[in-house]
């Protein structure tokens, strides 16, 4: 993960291979990210986002514009065309940035206040079993 950078064709083949695995590959990637995050936070000690025993999570919908017909793209509320994924970030407090934990893909016409999507994003970002933010055990 932290070695030399792969060539563009190698990355393209990897993405194609991962995409063919569907939800199984996505679950494995989320689990791997959660395990890395948990280890890094443990190594960070008192500087980790969960050091105070609480993790602040920010859930926001963002617009991603598409300039051509893409799978699941739709008209947005801003009269554009694209996607409206629901993003989950861990807040690192003042002076820190947010750490992306989960991106829940949604079409451009998805609503901002959809309880089911927020519940799913929260479940995915809830920790090792949900393969998200993690925390101290």
Protein backbone atom coordinates (compact mmCIF):
# COMPACT_ATOMS: atom_id res chain seq x y z
CA UNK A 1 0.00 0.00 0.00
CA UNK A 2 2.89 2.40 0.64
CA UNK A 3 5.45 1.12 -1.89
CA UNK A 4 6.36 2.38 -5.37
CA UNK A 5 3.58 3.88 -7.48
CA UNK A 6 2.09 1.52 -10.07
CA UNK A 7 1.79 2.42 -13.76
CA UNK A 8 -1.54 3.65 -15.16
CA UNK A 9 -2.25 0.36 -17.02
CA UNK A 10 -1.56 -1.62 -13.83
CA UNK A 11 -3.92 0.58 -11.83
CA UNK A 12 -6.56 0.29 -14.57
CA UNK A 13 -6.35 -3.53 -14.53
CA UNK A 14 -6.57 -3.55 -10.72
CA UNK A 15 -9.66 -1.32 -10.74
CA UNK A 16 -11.30 -3.55 -13.38
CA UNK A 17 -10.53 -6.66 -11.32
CA UNK A 18 -11.85 -5.09 -8.12
CA UNK A 19 -14.98 -3.81 -9.87
CA UNK A 20 -15.81 -7.30 -11.10
CA UNK A 21 -15.88 -8.52 -7.46
CA UNK A 22 -18.83 -6.31 -6.55
CA UNK A 23 -20.02 -6.10 -2.96
CA UNK A 24 -17.59 -8.80 -1.75
CA UNK A 25 -14.58 -6.72 -2.79
CA UNK A 26 -16.12 -3.52 -1.42
CA UNK A 27 -16.66 -5.20 1.96
CA UNK A 28 -13.05 -6.46 1.98
CA UNK A 29 -11.72 -2.97 1.14
CA UNK A 30 -13.81 -1.38 3.89
CA UNK A 31 -12.56 -3.95 6.39
CA UNK A 32 -8.94 -3.38 5.37
CA UNK A 33 -9.33 0.41 5.69
CA UNK A 34 -10.96 0.02 9.11
CA UNK A 35 -8.10 -2.20 10.32
CA UNK A 36 -5.47 0.28 9.08
CA UNK A 37 -7.35 3.20 10.65
CA UNK A 38 -7.65 1.35 13.97
CA UNK A 39 -3.92 0.56 14.01
CA UNK A 40 -2.92 4.13 13.11
CA UNK A 41 -5.23 5.57 15.77
CA UNK A 42 -3.78 3.16 18.34
CA UNK A 43 -0.24 4.25 17.40
CA UNK A 44 -1.29 7.92 17.59
CA UNK A 45 -2.17 7.47 21.27
CA UNK A 46 -3.50 10.69 22.81
CA UNK A 47 -3.36 12.44 19.41
CA UNK A 48 -5.91 10.02 17.91
CA UNK A 49 -9.42 11.30 17.10
CA UNK A 50 -10.92 8.85 19.61
CA UNK A 51 -8.49 9.64 22.47
CA UNK A 52 -11.21 11.36 24.49
CA UNK A 53 -13.46 8.31 24.25
CA UNK A 54 -15.72 9.96 21.69
CA UNK A 55 -15.56 10.24 17.91
CA UNK A 56 -17.40 13.06 16.14
CA UNK A 57 -18.82 11.92 12.82
CA UNK A 58 -20.06 14.32 10.12
CA UNK A 59 -22.50 12.99 7.51
CA UNK A 60 -22.96 15.15 4.40
CA UNK A 61 -24.39 14.72 0.95
CA UNK A 62 -22.19 16.12 -1.82
CA UNK A 63 -22.90 16.75 -5.48
CA UNK A 64 -20.59 15.14 -8.02
CA UNK A 65 -21.28 16.44 -11.51
CA UNK A 66 -21.16 14.16 -14.55
CA UNK A 67 -20.72 15.70 -17.99
CA UNK A 68 -21.87 12.57 -19.78
CA UNK A 69 -24.25 9.73 -19.06
CA UNK A 70 -22.77 7.69 -16.23
CA UNK A 71 -24.32 4.72 -14.44
CA UNK A 72 -26.85 5.92 -11.81
CA UNK A 73 -26.34 9.59 -12.70
CA UNK A 74 -29.52 11.68 -12.56
CA UNK A 75 -30.72 15.27 -12.58
CA UNK A 76 -29.80 17.08 -9.35
CA UNK A 77 -31.72 19.67 -7.36
CA UNK A 78 -29.24 22.30 -8.60
CA UNK A 79 -30.34 21.69 -12.21
CA UNK A 80 -27.16 19.79 -13.05
CA UNK A 81 -26.56 16.11 -13.79
CA UNK A 82 -24.56 13.61 -11.75
CA UNK A 83 -24.45 11.83 -8.39
CA UNK A 84 -25.29 12.78 -4.79
CA UNK A 85 -23.21 10.43 -2.59
CA UNK A 86 -23.59 10.54 1.17
CA UNK A 87 -20.15 10.98 2.74
CA UNK A 88 -19.12 10.16 6.32
CA UNK A 89 -16.12 11.97 7.81
CA UNK A 90 -14.43 11.70 11.20
CA UNK A 91 -13.91 15.19 12.61
CA UNK A 92 -10.33 15.75 13.78
CA UNK A 93 -11.21 18.89 15.73
CA UNK A 94 -9.78 22.37 15.47
CA UNK A 95 -6.81 22.65 13.21
CA UNK A 96 -7.40 19.16 11.83
CA UNK A 97 -9.21 18.05 8.74
CA UNK A 98 -11.93 15.50 8.30
CA UNK A 99 -10.99 11.89 7.60
CA UNK A 100 -13.23 10.23 4.98
CA UNK A 101 -14.65 6.99 6.32
CA UNK A 102 -17.51 5.98 4.02
CA UNK A 103 -18.98 7.13 0.73
CA UNK A 104 -22.46 5.79 0.01
CA UNK A 105 -23.09 6.05 -3.75
CA UNK A 106 -26.47 7.56 -4.69
CA UNK A 107 -28.01 9.00 -7.86
CA UNK A 108 -28.08 12.76 -8.36
CA UNK A 109 -31.77 13.00 -7.48
CA UNK A 110 -31.32 11.38 -4.04
CA UNK A 111 -32.69 13.52 -1.25
CA UNK A 112 -30.55 15.18 1.41
CA UNK A 113 -32.69 14.11 4.35
CA UNK A 114 -33.19 10.42 3.64
CA UNK A 115 -33.27 8.53 6.94
CA UNK A 116 -32.59 5.13 5.36
CA UNK A 117 -29.42 6.38 3.64
CA UNK A 118 -28.20 8.09 6.83
CA UNK A 119 -28.79 4.89 8.82
CA UNK A 120 -26.88 2.83 6.23
CA UNK A 121 -24.00 5.34 6.14
CA UNK A 122 -23.87 5.33 9.95
CA UNK A 123 -23.85 1.51 9.99
CA UNK A 124 -21.01 1.39 7.46
CA UNK A 125 -19.05 4.03 9.37
CA UNK A 126 -19.60 2.60 12.84
CA UNK A 127 -16.45 0.58 13.38
CA UNK A 128 -14.70 -2.68 12.54
CA UNK A 129 -17.91 -4.69 12.21
CA UNK A 130 -19.37 -1.95 10.03
CA UNK A 131 -15.88 -1.47 8.55
CA UNK A 132 -15.83 2.23 9.33
CA UNK A 133 -14.41 4.66 11.86
CA UNK A 134 -13.32 2.09 14.39
CA UNK A 135 -12.19 3.13 17.79
CA UNK A 136 -10.37 1.75 20.79
CA UNK A 137 -11.32 -1.71 21.98
